Amino acid sequence: MELVPTQDEVLALLRQTGALQQGHFECLNGLHTDVNLETALAMRYHRNAKMLSVGLSRKLRANPELRAMIPELSIVSATPAGLPVAYGLCEALRAGQVYWAEKDGREIPMRFRQFFEPVSGDKVVLVDDLLRSGMLLTEARQLLEARGAQVIALAVLVYQPTPQTRDFGSLPLYCLAKLEATYYADAASCQFCRRKVPLHQVDIVRRVQKNEQLVAASHL
């Protein structure tokens, strides 16, 4: 496998580790889909995490403007679920630092921990494991910019666009794979519901909390 894995290689790895799941899923925004991705199932293996992080870092290094900024870059995870990606990317790039945003519930504003606040002028690569709706990445970007940081790029392992994915305008997006899925607006229009295929709800907040626990345990 090359330093930058192909999309097919990334998706094959996600399938092999059980991270890429086929079935009937309901997203937090109400959409029904046939695909769910739990990247922690792949990233829990150090070899996989290293390969994916290095591959993503190579994509960023290919941009000469970004490459020149690397020593002063902050790698900021939009969620604790993205922390394995953020730490791996920071190590591969030899960037300046890592910090992250947190969200304790869907209706609770995102925040930074005390003493982890960005400083005005920070140049940030905003990271997560997955870009699907873009809701949390958008909120993290707004939080950073409100405190004077400059978000210069987004970096995710997998881009899984939906009909409701947020628009990030001209902000560069780097990913290792783009995942196509089928979406239905609600249960009434969902063919899986009509066929009575068992439904699994994708609880983003609970997934974030579980990943935070896994990350904390790995540093003990």
N, C-alpha and C. Protein backbone atom coordinates (compact mmCIF):
# COMPACT_ATOMS: atom_id res chain seq x y z
N MET A 1 0.85 -1.19 0.00
CA MET A 1 0.00 0.00 0.00
C MET A 1 0.89 1.25 0.00
N GLU A 2 0.55 2.21 -0.84
CA GLU A 2 1.33 3.44 -0.94
C GLU A 2 1.09 4.32 0.29
N LEU A 3 1.93 5.38 0.44
CA LEU A 3 1.77 6.29 1.57
C LEU A 3 0.43 6.99 1.54
N VAL A 4 -0.10 7.25 0.35
CA VAL A 4 -1.47 7.76 0.24
C VAL A 4 -2.32 6.63 -0.31
N PRO A 5 -3.09 5.95 0.55
CA PRO A 5 -3.90 4.83 0.08
C PRO A 5 -4.98 5.31 -0.87
N THR A 6 -5.35 4.45 -1.80
CA THR A 6 -6.43 4.79 -2.73
C THR A 6 -7.77 4.72 -2.00
N GLN A 7 -8.78 5.30 -2.62
CA GLN A 7 -10.12 5.23 -2.04
C GLN A 7 -10.55 3.78 -1.86
N ASP A 8 -10.30 2.92 -2.84
CA ASP A 8 -10.70 1.52 -2.73
C ASP A 8 -9.99 0.84 -1.57
N GLU A 9 -8.72 1.15 -1.34
CA GLU A 9 -7.98 0.55 -0.23
C GLU A 9 -8.54 1.01 1.11
N VAL A 10 -8.89 2.29 1.21
CA VAL A 10 -9.46 2.81 2.46
C VAL A 10 -10.80 2.15 2.76
N LEU A 11 -11.67 2.08 1.77
CA LEU A 11 -12.99 1.48 1.98
C LEU A 11 -12.86 -0.01 2.29
N ALA A 12 -11.91 -0.70 1.65
CA ALA A 12 -11.69 -2.12 1.95
C ALA A 12 -11.26 -2.30 3.39
N LEU A 13 -10.36 -1.43 3.88
CA LEU A 13 -9.91 -1.50 5.27
C LEU A 13 -11.07 -1.27 6.23
N LEU A 14 -11.93 -0.29 5.92
CA LEU A 14 -13.07 -0.01 6.78
C LEU A 14 -14.04 -1.18 6.82
N ARG A 15 -14.21 -1.85 5.70
CA ARG A 15 -15.09 -3.04 5.68
C ARG A 15 -14.47 -4.18 6.50
N GLN A 16 -13.17 -4.41 6.33
CA GLN A 16 -12.50 -5.52 7.02
C GLN A 16 -12.57 -5.38 8.54
N THR A 17 -12.52 -4.15 9.03
CA THR A 17 -12.53 -3.91 10.48
C THR A 17 -13.94 -3.77 11.05
N GLY A 18 -14.96 -3.83 10.19
CA GLY A 18 -16.33 -3.67 10.65
C GLY A 18 -16.75 -2.23 10.82
N ALA A 19 -15.87 -1.30 10.44
CA ALA A 19 -16.22 0.12 10.60
C ALA A 19 -17.27 0.56 9.58
N LEU A 20 -17.22 0.00 8.39
CA LEU A 20 -18.19 0.33 7.34
C LEU A 20 -19.29 -0.72 7.38
N GLN A 21 -20.48 -0.28 7.74
CA GLN A 21 -21.59 -1.19 8.00
C GLN A 21 -22.72 -0.96 7.00
N GLN A 22 -23.27 -2.04 6.50
CA GLN A 22 -24.43 -2.00 5.60
C GLN A 22 -25.67 -2.39 6.40
N GLY A 23 -26.80 -1.75 6.12
CA GLY A 23 -28.03 -2.09 6.83
C GLY A 23 -29.07 -1.00 6.67
N HIS A 24 -29.75 -0.69 7.76
CA HIS A 24 -30.82 0.31 7.78
C HIS A 24 -30.58 1.19 9.00
N PHE A 25 -30.23 2.45 8.74
CA PHE A 25 -29.82 3.35 9.82
C PHE A 25 -30.60 4.66 9.74
N GLU A 26 -30.88 5.21 10.91
CA GLU A 26 -31.49 6.54 10.99
C GLU A 26 -30.49 7.50 11.59
N CYS A 27 -30.16 8.55 10.85
CA CYS A 27 -29.22 9.56 11.33
C CYS A 27 -29.92 10.51 12.30
N LEU A 28 -29.12 11.28 13.03
CA LEU A 28 -29.66 12.22 14.00
C LEU A 28 -30.55 13.27 13.36
N ASN A 29 -30.29 13.58 12.08
CA ASN A 29 -31.10 14.59 11.38
C ASN A 29 -32.38 14.01 10.78
N GLY A 30 -32.66 12.73 11.04
CA GLY A 30 -33.90 12.12 10.57
C GLY A 30 -33.78 11.36 9.26
N LEU A 31 -32.67 11.52 8.55
CA LEU A 31 -32.48 10.79 7.30
C LEU A 31 -32.29 9.30 7.56
N HIS A 32 -32.84 8.50 6.66
CA HIS A 32 -32.60 7.06 6.70
C HIS A 32 -31.58 6.72 5.61
N THR A 33 -30.69 5.77 5.90
CA THR A 33 -29.63 5.43 4.95
C THR A 33 -29.28 3.96 5.04
N ASP A 34 -28.54 3.47 4.04
CA ASP A 34 -28.14 2.07 4.00
C ASP A 34 -26.70 1.86 4.48
N VAL A 35 -26.02 2.93 4.89
CA VAL A 35 -24.61 2.84 5.26
C VAL A 35 -24.36 3.58 6.57
N ASN A 36 -23.57 2.97 7.43
CA ASN A 36 -23.11 3.65 8.64
C ASN A 36 -21.61 3.42 8.78
N LEU A 37 -20.93 4.42 9.32
CA LEU A 37 -19.48 4.34 9.46
C LEU A 37 -19.09 4.63 10.90
N GLU A 38 -18.40 3.69 11.52
CA GLU A 38 -17.87 3.84 12.88
C GLU A 38 -16.35 3.72 12.80
N THR A 39 -15.69 4.82 12.53
CA THR A 39 -14.26 4.78 12.24
C THR A 39 -13.42 4.29 13.41
N ALA A 40 -13.93 4.40 14.64
CA ALA A 40 -13.17 3.93 15.81
C ALA A 40 -12.84 2.45 15.70
N LEU A 41 -13.67 1.68 15.00
CA LEU A 41 -13.42 0.25 14.85
C LEU A 41 -12.19 -0.02 14.00
N ALA A 42 -11.85 0.91 13.12
CA ALA A 42 -10.62 0.80 12.33
C ALA A 42 -9.44 1.45 13.04
N MET A 43 -9.69 2.61 13.66
CA MET A 43 -8.61 3.38 14.28
C MET A 43 -8.10 2.77 15.57
N ARG A 44 -8.82 1.79 16.12
CA ARG A 44 -8.35 1.18 17.38
C ARG A 44 -7.08 0.35 17.16
N TYR A 45 -6.81 -0.02 15.91
CA TYR A 45 -5.59 -0.76 15.58
C TYR A 45 -4.51 0.24 15.16
N HIS A 46 -3.38 0.22 15.87
CA HIS A 46 -2.35 1.23 15.66
C HIS A 46 -1.86 1.26 14.22
N ARG A 47 -1.69 0.08 13.62
CA ARG A 47 -1.19 0.03 12.25
C ARG A 47 -2.15 0.75 11.30
N ASN A 48 -3.45 0.53 11.48
CA ASN A 48 -4.44 1.19 10.64
C ASN A 48 -4.44 2.70 10.87
N ALA A 49 -4.42 3.09 12.15
CA ALA A 49 -4.45 4.52 12.48
C ALA A 49 -3.24 5.23 11.89
N LYS A 50 -2.07 4.57 11.96
CA LYS A 50 -0.85 5.16 11.43
C LYS A 50 -0.95 5.33 9.91
N MET A 51 -1.40 4.30 9.23
CA MET A 51 -1.49 4.33 7.78
C MET A 51 -2.47 5.41 7.31
N LEU A 52 -3.63 5.50 7.96
CA LEU A 52 -4.64 6.48 7.56
C LEU A 52 -4.17 7.91 7.87
N SER A 53 -3.55 8.10 9.03
CA SER A 53 -3.08 9.43 9.41
C SER A 53 -1.97 9.91 8.48
N VAL A 54 -1.02 9.03 8.18
CA VAL A 54 0.07 9.40 7.27
C VAL A 54 -0.47 9.71 5.89
N GLY A 55 -1.42 8.90 5.41
CA GLY A 55 -2.02 9.16 4.11
C GLY A 55 -2.69 10.51 4.04
N LEU A 56 -3.45 10.85 5.10
CA LEU A 56 -4.12 12.14 5.12
C LEU A 56 -3.10 13.28 5.20
N SER A 57 -2.04 13.08 5.97
CA SER A 57 -1.00 14.12 6.09
C SER A 57 -0.35 14.39 4.74
N ARG A 58 -0.16 13.36 3.95
CA ARG A 58 0.45 13.53 2.63
C ARG A 58 -0.42 14.39 1.72
N LYS A 59 -1.72 14.25 1.87
CA LYS A 59 -2.63 15.08 1.06
C LYS A 59 -2.49 16.55 1.44
N LEU A 60 -2.35 16.83 2.73
CA LEU A 60 -2.17 18.21 3.15
C LEU A 60 -0.81 18.75 2.72
N ARG A 61 0.22 17.93 2.84
CA ARG A 61 1.58 18.37 2.47
C ARG A 61 1.68 18.71 0.98
N ALA A 62 0.80 18.15 0.18
CA ALA A 62 0.84 18.42 -1.26
C ALA A 62 0.48 19.86 -1.59
N ASN A 63 -0.16 20.56 -0.64
CA ASN A 63 -0.49 21.97 -0.82
C ASN A 63 0.70 22.81 -0.32
N PRO A 64 1.40 23.50 -1.21
CA PRO A 64 2.62 24.22 -0.79
C PRO A 64 2.35 25.30 0.25
N GLU A 65 1.20 25.97 0.18
CA GLU A 65 0.90 27.00 1.18
C GLU A 65 0.72 26.39 2.56
N LEU A 66 0.00 25.28 2.62
CA LEU A 66 -0.17 24.58 3.89
C LEU A 66 1.16 24.03 4.40
N ARG A 67 1.93 23.49 3.50
CA ARG A 67 3.22 22.90 3.89
C ARG A 67 4.12 23.94 4.56
N ALA A 68 4.09 25.16 4.08
CA ALA A 68 4.91 26.21 4.66
C ALA A 68 4.45 26.60 6.06
N MET A 69 3.18 26.36 6.38
CA MET A 69 2.63 26.75 7.68
C MET A 69 2.77 25.66 8.74
N ILE A 70 3.20 24.46 8.37
CA ILE A 70 3.11 23.31 9.27
C ILE A 70 3.68 23.56 10.67
N PRO A 71 4.86 24.17 10.83
CA PRO A 71 5.39 24.33 12.19
C PRO A 71 4.49 25.14 13.12
N GLU A 72 3.66 26.01 12.57
CA GLU A 72 2.80 26.84 13.42
C GLU A 72 1.34 26.40 13.40
N LEU A 73 1.05 25.28 12.75
CA LEU A 73 -0.34 24.84 12.65
C LEU A 73 -0.84 24.25 13.97
N SER A 74 -2.11 24.50 14.26
CA SER A 74 -2.83 23.79 15.31
C SER A 74 -3.78 22.81 14.64
N ILE A 75 -3.78 21.58 15.13
CA ILE A 75 -4.72 20.57 14.64
C ILE A 75 -5.83 20.48 15.67
N VAL A 76 -7.03 20.85 15.27
CA VAL A 76 -8.15 20.93 16.21
C VAL A 76 -9.22 19.93 15.80
N SER A 77 -9.58 19.05 16.72
CA SER A 77 -10.64 18.09 16.46
C SER A 77 -11.99 18.71 16.80
N ALA A 78 -12.94 18.56 15.89
CA ALA A 78 -14.27 19.10 16.12
C ALA A 78 -15.02 18.32 17.19
N THR A 79 -14.60 17.08 17.45
CA THR A 79 -15.23 16.23 18.46
C THR A 79 -14.16 15.33 19.07
N PRO A 80 -14.39 14.79 20.27
CA PRO A 80 -13.46 13.79 20.79
C PRO A 80 -13.34 12.57 19.88
N ALA A 81 -14.38 12.26 19.10
CA ALA A 81 -14.31 11.12 18.17
C ALA A 81 -13.22 11.31 17.14
N GLY A 82 -12.87 12.56 16.84
CA GLY A 82 -11.83 12.83 15.85
C GLY A 82 -10.43 12.90 16.43
N LEU A 83 -10.29 12.70 17.74
CA LEU A 83 -8.98 12.85 18.37
C LEU A 83 -7.92 11.88 17.84
N PRO A 84 -8.24 10.59 17.61
CA PRO A 84 -7.21 9.73 17.05
C PRO A 84 -6.69 10.24 15.71
N VAL A 85 -7.58 10.80 14.89
CA VAL A 85 -7.17 11.38 13.61
C VAL A 85 -6.30 12.61 13.85
N ALA A 86 -6.72 13.46 14.79
CA ALA A 86 -5.99 14.70 15.05
C ALA A 86 -4.58 14.43 15.57
N TYR A 87 -4.44 13.50 16.53
CA TYR A 87 -3.12 13.19 17.06
C TYR A 87 -2.24 12.53 16.01
N GLY A 88 -2.83 11.61 15.23
CA GLY A 88 -2.06 10.97 14.17
C GLY A 88 -1.60 11.95 13.12
N LEU A 89 -2.48 12.88 12.77
CA LEU A 89 -2.14 13.88 11.76
C LEU A 89 -1.07 14.83 12.27
N CYS A 90 -1.19 15.24 13.53
CA CYS A 90 -0.19 16.15 14.11
C CYS A 90 1.18 15.48 14.15
N GLU A 91 1.22 14.19 14.52
CA GLU A 91 2.49 13.47 14.56
C GLU A 91 3.09 13.35 13.16
N ALA A 92 2.26 13.00 12.19
CA ALA A 92 2.77 12.80 10.82
C ALA A 92 3.26 14.10 10.20
N LEU A 93 2.54 15.20 10.50
CA LEU A 93 2.93 16.50 9.95
C LEU A 93 4.04 17.17 10.75
N ARG A 94 4.15 16.77 12.04
CA ARG A 94 4.99 17.50 12.99
C ARG A 94 4.49 18.93 13.14
N ALA A 95 3.19 19.04 13.31
CA ALA A 95 2.54 20.34 13.51
C ALA A 95 2.72 20.77 14.96
N GLY A 96 2.19 21.96 15.27
CA GLY A 96 2.46 22.57 16.56
C GLY A 96 1.77 21.94 17.74
N GLN A 97 0.45 21.74 17.67
CA GLN A 97 -0.29 21.29 18.84
C GLN A 97 -1.64 20.70 18.42
N VAL A 98 -2.28 20.01 19.38
CA VAL A 98 -3.61 19.45 19.21
C VAL A 98 -4.50 19.94 20.34
N TYR A 99 -5.70 20.34 20.02
CA TYR A 99 -6.75 20.52 21.03
C TYR A 99 -8.09 20.23 20.39
N TRP A 100 -9.15 20.28 21.18
CA TRP A 100 -10.43 19.78 20.67
C TRP A 100 -11.60 20.50 21.31
N ALA A 101 -12.72 20.42 20.61
CA ALA A 101 -13.98 20.96 21.12
C ALA A 101 -14.81 19.82 21.70
N GLU A 102 -15.75 20.18 22.56
CA GLU A 102 -16.61 19.18 23.20
C GLU A 102 -18.06 19.64 23.13
N LYS A 103 -18.96 18.64 23.14
CA LYS A 103 -20.39 18.94 23.12
C LYS A 103 -21.07 17.86 23.96
N ASP A 104 -21.74 18.28 25.04
CA ASP A 104 -22.30 17.33 25.99
C ASP A 104 -23.72 16.90 25.65
N GLY A 105 -24.33 17.52 24.69
CA GLY A 105 -25.69 17.18 24.28
C GLY A 105 -26.06 17.95 23.04
N ARG A 106 -27.05 17.47 22.33
CA ARG A 106 -27.38 18.07 21.04
C ARG A 106 -27.75 19.54 21.17
N GLU A 107 -28.44 19.92 22.22
CA GLU A 107 -28.91 21.29 22.39
C GLU A 107 -27.94 22.15 23.20
N ILE A 108 -26.83 21.57 23.63
CA ILE A 108 -25.86 22.31 24.45
C ILE A 108 -24.77 22.87 23.54
N PRO A 109 -24.44 24.16 23.69
CA PRO A 109 -23.41 24.75 22.81
C PRO A 109 -22.07 24.04 22.94
N MET A 110 -21.35 23.99 21.84
CA MET A 110 -20.01 23.43 21.83
C MET A 110 -19.08 24.33 22.63
N ARG A 111 -18.04 23.75 23.22
CA ARG A 111 -17.13 24.54 24.05
C ARG A 111 -15.73 23.94 23.97
N PHE A 112 -14.76 24.73 24.42
CA PHE A 112 -13.41 24.23 24.65
C PHE A 112 -13.22 24.07 26.15
N ARG A 113 -12.40 23.12 26.56
CA ARG A 113 -12.08 22.97 27.97
C ARG A 113 -11.29 24.18 28.46
N GLN A 114 -11.39 24.43 29.76
CA GLN A 114 -10.63 25.52 30.36
C GLN A 114 -9.14 25.33 30.08
N PHE A 115 -8.47 26.41 29.69
CA PHE A 115 -7.05 26.46 29.35
C PHE A 115 -6.74 25.88 27.97
N PHE A 116 -7.76 25.41 27.26
CA PHE A 116 -7.56 24.90 25.90
C PHE A 116 -8.09 25.85 24.86
N GLU A 117 -8.36 27.08 25.24
CA GLU A 117 -8.90 28.07 24.32
C GLU A 117 -7.87 28.42 23.25
N PRO A 118 -8.30 28.58 22.01
CA PRO A 118 -7.37 29.07 20.98
C PRO A 118 -6.98 30.51 21.26
N VAL A 119 -5.85 30.91 20.73
CA VAL A 119 -5.45 32.31 20.83
C VAL A 119 -5.70 32.96 19.49
N SER A 120 -5.95 34.25 19.53
CA SER A 120 -6.23 34.98 18.30
C SER A 120 -5.06 34.83 17.32
N GLY A 121 -5.39 34.53 16.09
CA GLY A 121 -4.37 34.36 15.08
C GLY A 121 -3.93 32.93 14.86
N ASP A 122 -4.38 31.98 15.72
CA ASP A 122 -4.07 30.57 15.51
C ASP A 122 -4.46 30.13 14.10
N LYS A 123 -3.57 29.44 13.41
CA LYS A 123 -3.89 28.85 12.11
C LYS A 123 -4.25 27.39 12.35
N VAL A 124 -5.47 27.02 11.94
CA VAL A 124 -6.06 25.75 12.34
C VAL A 124 -6.41 24.89 11.13
N VAL A 125 -6.04 23.61 11.23
CA VAL A 125 -6.64 22.58 10.38
C VAL A 125 -7.70 21.89 11.24
N LEU A 126 -8.95 22.00 10.85
CA LEU A 126 -10.06 21.45 11.61
C LEU A 126 -10.30 20.01 11.16
N VAL A 127 -10.32 19.09 12.11
CA VAL A 127 -10.27 17.66 11.82
C VAL A 127 -11.46 16.94 12.44
N ASP A 128 -11.93 15.89 11.77
CA ASP A 128 -12.84 14.93 12.37
C ASP A 128 -12.65 13.61 11.66
N ASP A 129 -13.25 12.55 12.20
CA ASP A 129 -13.11 11.27 11.54
C ASP A 129 -13.98 11.20 10.28
N LEU A 130 -15.13 11.88 10.31
CA LEU A 130 -16.12 11.73 9.26
C LEU A 130 -16.83 13.05 9.02
N LEU A 131 -17.02 13.40 7.78
CA LEU A 131 -17.88 14.54 7.42
C LEU A 131 -19.12 14.00 6.76
N ARG A 132 -20.23 14.09 7.49
CA ARG A 132 -21.51 13.63 6.95
C ARG A 132 -22.44 14.83 6.84
N SER A 133 -23.09 15.22 7.90
CA SER A 133 -23.93 16.41 7.84
C SER A 133 -23.10 17.69 7.90
N GLY A 134 -21.93 17.61 8.56
CA GLY A 134 -21.11 18.80 8.74
C GLY A 134 -21.57 19.69 9.87
N MET A 135 -22.57 19.25 10.62
CA MET A 135 -23.14 20.08 11.69
C MET A 135 -22.09 20.41 12.76
N LEU A 136 -21.36 19.39 13.23
CA LEU A 136 -20.40 19.62 14.30
C LEU A 136 -19.16 20.35 13.80
N LEU A 137 -18.74 20.06 12.59
CA LEU A 137 -17.61 20.80 12.01
C LEU A 137 -17.96 22.27 11.83
N THR A 138 -19.18 22.55 11.41
CA THR A 138 -19.62 23.95 11.25
C THR A 138 -19.61 24.67 12.60
N GLU A 139 -20.14 24.00 13.62
CA GLU A 139 -20.19 24.62 14.95
C GLU A 139 -18.78 24.86 15.49
N ALA A 140 -17.89 23.89 15.28
CA ALA A 140 -16.50 24.05 15.74
C ALA A 140 -15.80 25.19 15.00
N ARG A 141 -16.06 25.29 13.72
CA ARG A 141 -15.45 26.38 12.94
C ARG A 141 -15.93 27.73 13.47
N GLN A 142 -17.21 27.86 13.72
CA GLN A 142 -17.75 29.11 14.24
C GLN A 142 -17.17 29.44 15.60
N LEU A 143 -16.99 28.42 16.43
CA LEU A 143 -16.42 28.62 17.77
C LEU A 143 -14.98 29.11 17.67
N LEU A 144 -14.20 28.51 16.79
CA LEU A 144 -12.81 28.91 16.60
C LEU A 144 -12.72 30.34 16.07
N GLU A 145 -13.50 30.64 15.04
CA GLU A 145 -13.42 31.97 14.43
C GLU A 145 -13.92 33.05 15.37
N ALA A 146 -14.87 32.71 16.23
CA ALA A 146 -15.36 33.68 17.21
C ALA A 146 -14.27 34.06 18.22
N ARG A 147 -13.27 33.19 18.37
CA ARG A 147 -12.17 33.45 19.29
C ARG A 147 -10.91 33.91 18.57
N GLY A 148 -11.05 34.23 17.29
CA GLY A 148 -9.95 34.85 16.56
C GLY A 148 -9.04 33.89 15.83
N ALA A 149 -9.34 32.58 15.86
CA ALA A 149 -8.52 31.62 15.12
C ALA A 149 -8.89 31.64 13.64
N GLN A 150 -7.96 31.21 12.81
CA GLN A 150 -8.18 31.17 11.37
C GLN A 150 -8.19 29.71 10.91
N VAL A 151 -9.36 29.23 10.50
CA VAL A 151 -9.48 27.86 9.98
C VAL A 151 -9.06 27.88 8.52
N ILE A 152 -8.00 27.16 8.20
CA ILE A 152 -7.46 27.22 6.84
C ILE A 152 -7.77 25.98 6.02
N ALA A 153 -8.24 24.90 6.68
CA ALA A 153 -8.57 23.69 5.94
C ALA A 153 -9.38 22.75 6.83
N LEU A 154 -10.12 21.86 6.19
CA LEU A 154 -10.79 20.75 6.85
C LEU A 154 -10.10 19.47 6.43
N ALA A 155 -9.97 18.51 7.36
CA ALA A 155 -9.37 17.22 7.04
C ALA A 155 -10.15 16.12 7.75
N VAL A 156 -10.64 15.16 7.00
CA VAL A 156 -11.40 14.03 7.55
C VAL A 156 -10.93 12.75 6.86
N LEU A 157 -11.15 11.64 7.53
CA LEU A 157 -10.82 10.37 6.89
C LEU A 157 -11.77 10.10 5.73
N VAL A 158 -13.07 10.30 5.98
CA VAL A 158 -14.09 9.95 4.99
C VAL A 158 -15.10 11.07 4.84
N TYR A 159 -15.42 11.39 3.62
CA TYR A 159 -16.46 12.36 3.28
C TYR A 159 -17.68 11.58 2.81
N GLN A 160 -18.76 11.67 3.58
CA GLN A 160 -20.00 10.95 3.27
C GLN A 160 -21.13 11.97 3.12
N PRO A 161 -21.22 12.61 1.96
CA PRO A 161 -22.22 13.68 1.81
C PRO A 161 -23.66 13.16 1.84
N THR A 162 -24.54 13.99 2.38
CA THR A 162 -25.97 13.71 2.41
C THR A 162 -26.70 14.87 1.75
N PRO A 163 -28.00 14.74 1.53
CA PRO A 163 -28.74 15.88 0.98
C PRO A 163 -28.74 17.10 1.89
N GLN A 164 -28.35 16.93 3.15
CA GLN A 164 -28.34 18.03 4.11
C GLN A 164 -26.94 18.47 4.53
N THR A 165 -25.90 18.01 3.84
CA THR A 165 -24.53 18.37 4.22
C THR A 165 -24.30 19.87 4.10
N ARG A 166 -23.68 20.44 5.13
CA ARG A 166 -23.40 21.87 5.16
C ARG A 166 -22.40 22.26 4.07
N ASP A 167 -22.52 23.50 3.62
CA ASP A 167 -21.61 24.05 2.61
C ASP A 167 -20.49 24.81 3.31
N PHE A 168 -19.24 24.44 3.03
CA PHE A 168 -18.10 25.11 3.64
C PHE A 168 -17.44 26.11 2.69
N GLY A 169 -18.13 26.42 1.60
CA GLY A 169 -17.65 27.43 0.68
C GLY A 169 -16.31 27.07 0.08
N SER A 170 -15.38 28.03 0.11
CA SER A 170 -14.07 27.83 -0.53
C SER A 170 -13.05 27.18 0.40
N LEU A 171 -13.45 26.82 1.61
CA LEU A 171 -12.52 26.19 2.55
C LEU A 171 -12.08 24.84 2.01
N PRO A 172 -10.77 24.61 1.85
CA PRO A 172 -10.30 23.33 1.29
C PRO A 172 -10.69 22.15 2.17
N LEU A 173 -11.11 21.07 1.53
CA LEU A 173 -11.47 19.84 2.23
C LEU A 173 -10.55 18.72 1.75
N TYR A 174 -9.88 18.05 2.70
CA TYR A 174 -9.00 16.93 2.40
C TYR A 174 -9.60 15.67 3.01
N CYS A 175 -9.68 14.61 2.22
CA CYS A 175 -10.20 13.34 2.73
C CYS A 175 -9.51 12.20 2.01
N LEU A 176 -9.59 11.00 2.60
CA LEU A 176 -9.00 9.83 1.98
C LEU A 176 -9.99 9.08 1.09
N ALA A 177 -11.28 9.24 1.38
CA ALA A 177 -12.28 8.53 0.59
C ALA A 177 -13.60 9.29 0.64
N LYS A 178 -14.36 9.15 -0.43
CA LYS A 178 -15.72 9.67 -0.49
C LYS A 178 -16.67 8.48 -0.53
N LEU A 179 -17.60 8.45 0.41
CA LEU A 179 -18.49 7.31 0.56
C LEU A 179 -19.88 7.68 0.05
N GLU A 180 -20.33 6.97 -0.96
CA GLU A 180 -21.67 7.20 -1.51
C GLU A 180 -22.67 6.33 -0.76
N ALA A 181 -23.82 6.90 -0.43
CA ALA A 181 -24.86 6.16 0.26
C ALA A 181 -26.22 6.58 -0.29
N THR A 182 -27.23 5.75 -0.02
CA THR A 182 -28.60 6.08 -0.39
C THR A 182 -29.29 6.70 0.81
N TYR A 183 -30.02 7.78 0.57
CA TYR A 183 -30.70 8.47 1.67
C TYR A 183 -32.19 8.62 1.38
N TYR A 184 -32.97 8.55 2.45
CA TYR A 184 -34.41 8.79 2.38
C TYR A 184 -34.76 9.86 3.40
N ALA A 185 -35.66 10.76 3.03
CA ALA A 185 -35.96 11.92 3.87
C ALA A 185 -36.57 11.52 5.22
N ASP A 186 -37.32 10.43 5.25
CA ASP A 186 -37.99 10.03 6.50
C ASP A 186 -38.47 8.59 6.35
N ALA A 187 -39.10 8.08 7.42
CA ALA A 187 -39.56 6.69 7.42
C ALA A 187 -40.61 6.45 6.34
N ALA A 188 -41.44 7.45 6.06
CA ALA A 188 -42.52 7.27 5.10
C ALA A 188 -42.00 7.00 3.68
N SER A 189 -40.83 7.55 3.36
CA SER A 189 -40.28 7.38 2.01
C SER A 189 -39.20 6.32 1.94
N CYS A 190 -38.90 5.66 3.06
CA CYS A 190 -37.77 4.73 3.15
C CYS A 190 -38.18 3.32 2.70
N GLN A 191 -37.48 2.79 1.72
CA GLN A 191 -37.79 1.44 1.24
C GLN A 191 -37.46 0.39 2.28
N PHE A 192 -36.47 0.65 3.14
CA PHE A 192 -36.12 -0.31 4.18
C PHE A 192 -37.21 -0.40 5.23
N CYS A 193 -37.83 0.74 5.54
CA CYS A 193 -38.96 0.73 6.48
C CYS A 193 -40.13 -0.06 5.89
N ARG A 194 -40.38 0.14 4.60
CA ARG A 194 -41.49 -0.57 3.95
C ARG A 194 -41.25 -2.08 3.96
N ARG A 195 -39.97 -2.46 3.87
CA ARG A 195 -39.63 -3.89 3.89
C ARG A 195 -39.42 -4.43 5.30
N LYS A 196 -39.63 -3.53 6.29
CA LYS A 196 -39.50 -3.89 7.70
C LYS A 196 -38.10 -4.41 8.05
N VAL A 197 -37.08 -3.81 7.42
CA VAL A 197 -35.70 -4.12 7.78
C VAL A 197 -35.40 -3.48 9.14
N PRO A 198 -34.84 -4.20 10.09
CA PRO A 198 -34.56 -3.63 11.43
C PRO A 198 -33.79 -2.31 11.34
N LEU A 199 -34.21 -1.35 12.15
CA LEU A 199 -33.65 0.00 12.13
C LEU A 199 -32.65 0.19 13.27
N HIS A 200 -31.51 0.80 12.95
CA HIS A 200 -30.52 1.16 13.96
C HIS A 200 -30.37 2.67 13.94
N GLN A 201 -30.50 3.30 15.11
CA GLN A 201 -30.34 4.75 15.20
C GLN A 201 -28.88 5.11 15.43
N VAL A 202 -28.40 6.09 14.68
CA VAL A 202 -27.03 6.57 14.82
C VAL A 202 -27.07 7.76 15.76
N ASP A 203 -26.63 7.54 16.98
CA ASP A 203 -26.66 8.58 18.02
C ASP A 203 -25.30 9.24 18.07
N ILE A 204 -25.17 10.41 17.45
CA ILE A 204 -23.86 11.07 17.32
C ILE A 204 -23.30 11.45 18.69
N VAL A 205 -24.14 12.01 19.56
CA VAL A 205 -23.63 12.45 20.87
C VAL A 205 -23.12 11.28 21.68
N ARG A 206 -23.89 10.16 21.67
CA ARG A 206 -23.44 8.98 22.41
C ARG A 206 -22.16 8.43 21.81
N ARG A 207 -22.02 8.42 20.47
CA ARG A 207 -20.82 7.94 19.81
C ARG A 207 -19.62 8.80 20.20
N VAL A 208 -19.83 10.12 20.26
CA VAL A 208 -18.75 11.02 20.67
C VAL A 208 -18.29 10.71 22.09
N GLN A 209 -19.25 10.50 23.00
CA GLN A 209 -18.90 10.22 24.38
C GLN A 209 -18.15 8.90 24.51
N LYS A 210 -18.58 7.88 23.76
CA LYS A 210 -17.89 6.59 23.80
C LYS A 210 -16.48 6.71 23.28
N ASN A 211 -16.30 7.45 22.20
CA ASN A 211 -14.96 7.63 21.65
C ASN A 211 -14.06 8.39 22.60
N GLU A 212 -14.63 9.37 23.32
CA GLU A 212 -13.84 10.11 24.30
C GLU A 212 -13.35 9.17 25.39
N GLN A 213 -14.21 8.23 25.82
CA GLN A 213 -13.79 7.28 26.83
C GLN A 213 -12.68 6.37 26.32
N LEU A 214 -12.79 5.95 25.05
CA LEU A 214 -11.75 5.10 24.46
C LEU A 214 -10.42 5.84 24.38
N VAL A 215 -10.48 7.11 23.97
CA VAL A 215 -9.25 7.91 23.85
C VAL A 215 -8.61 8.11 25.23
N ALA A 216 -9.44 8.42 26.24
CA ALA A 216 -8.92 8.63 27.58
C ALA A 216 -8.25 7.35 28.10
N ALA A 217 -8.90 6.20 27.85
CA ALA A 217 -8.35 4.93 28.33
C ALA A 217 -7.02 4.61 27.65
N SER A 218 -6.88 5.01 26.40
CA SER A 218 -5.65 4.69 25.67
C SER A 218 -4.46 5.48 26.18
N HIS A 219 -4.70 6.56 26.92
CA HIS A 219 -3.61 7.40 27.43
C HIS A 219 -3.28 7.09 28.90
N LEU A 220 -3.96 6.09 29.47
CA LEU A 220 -3.66 5.76 30.87
C LEU A 220 -2.33 5.00 30.98
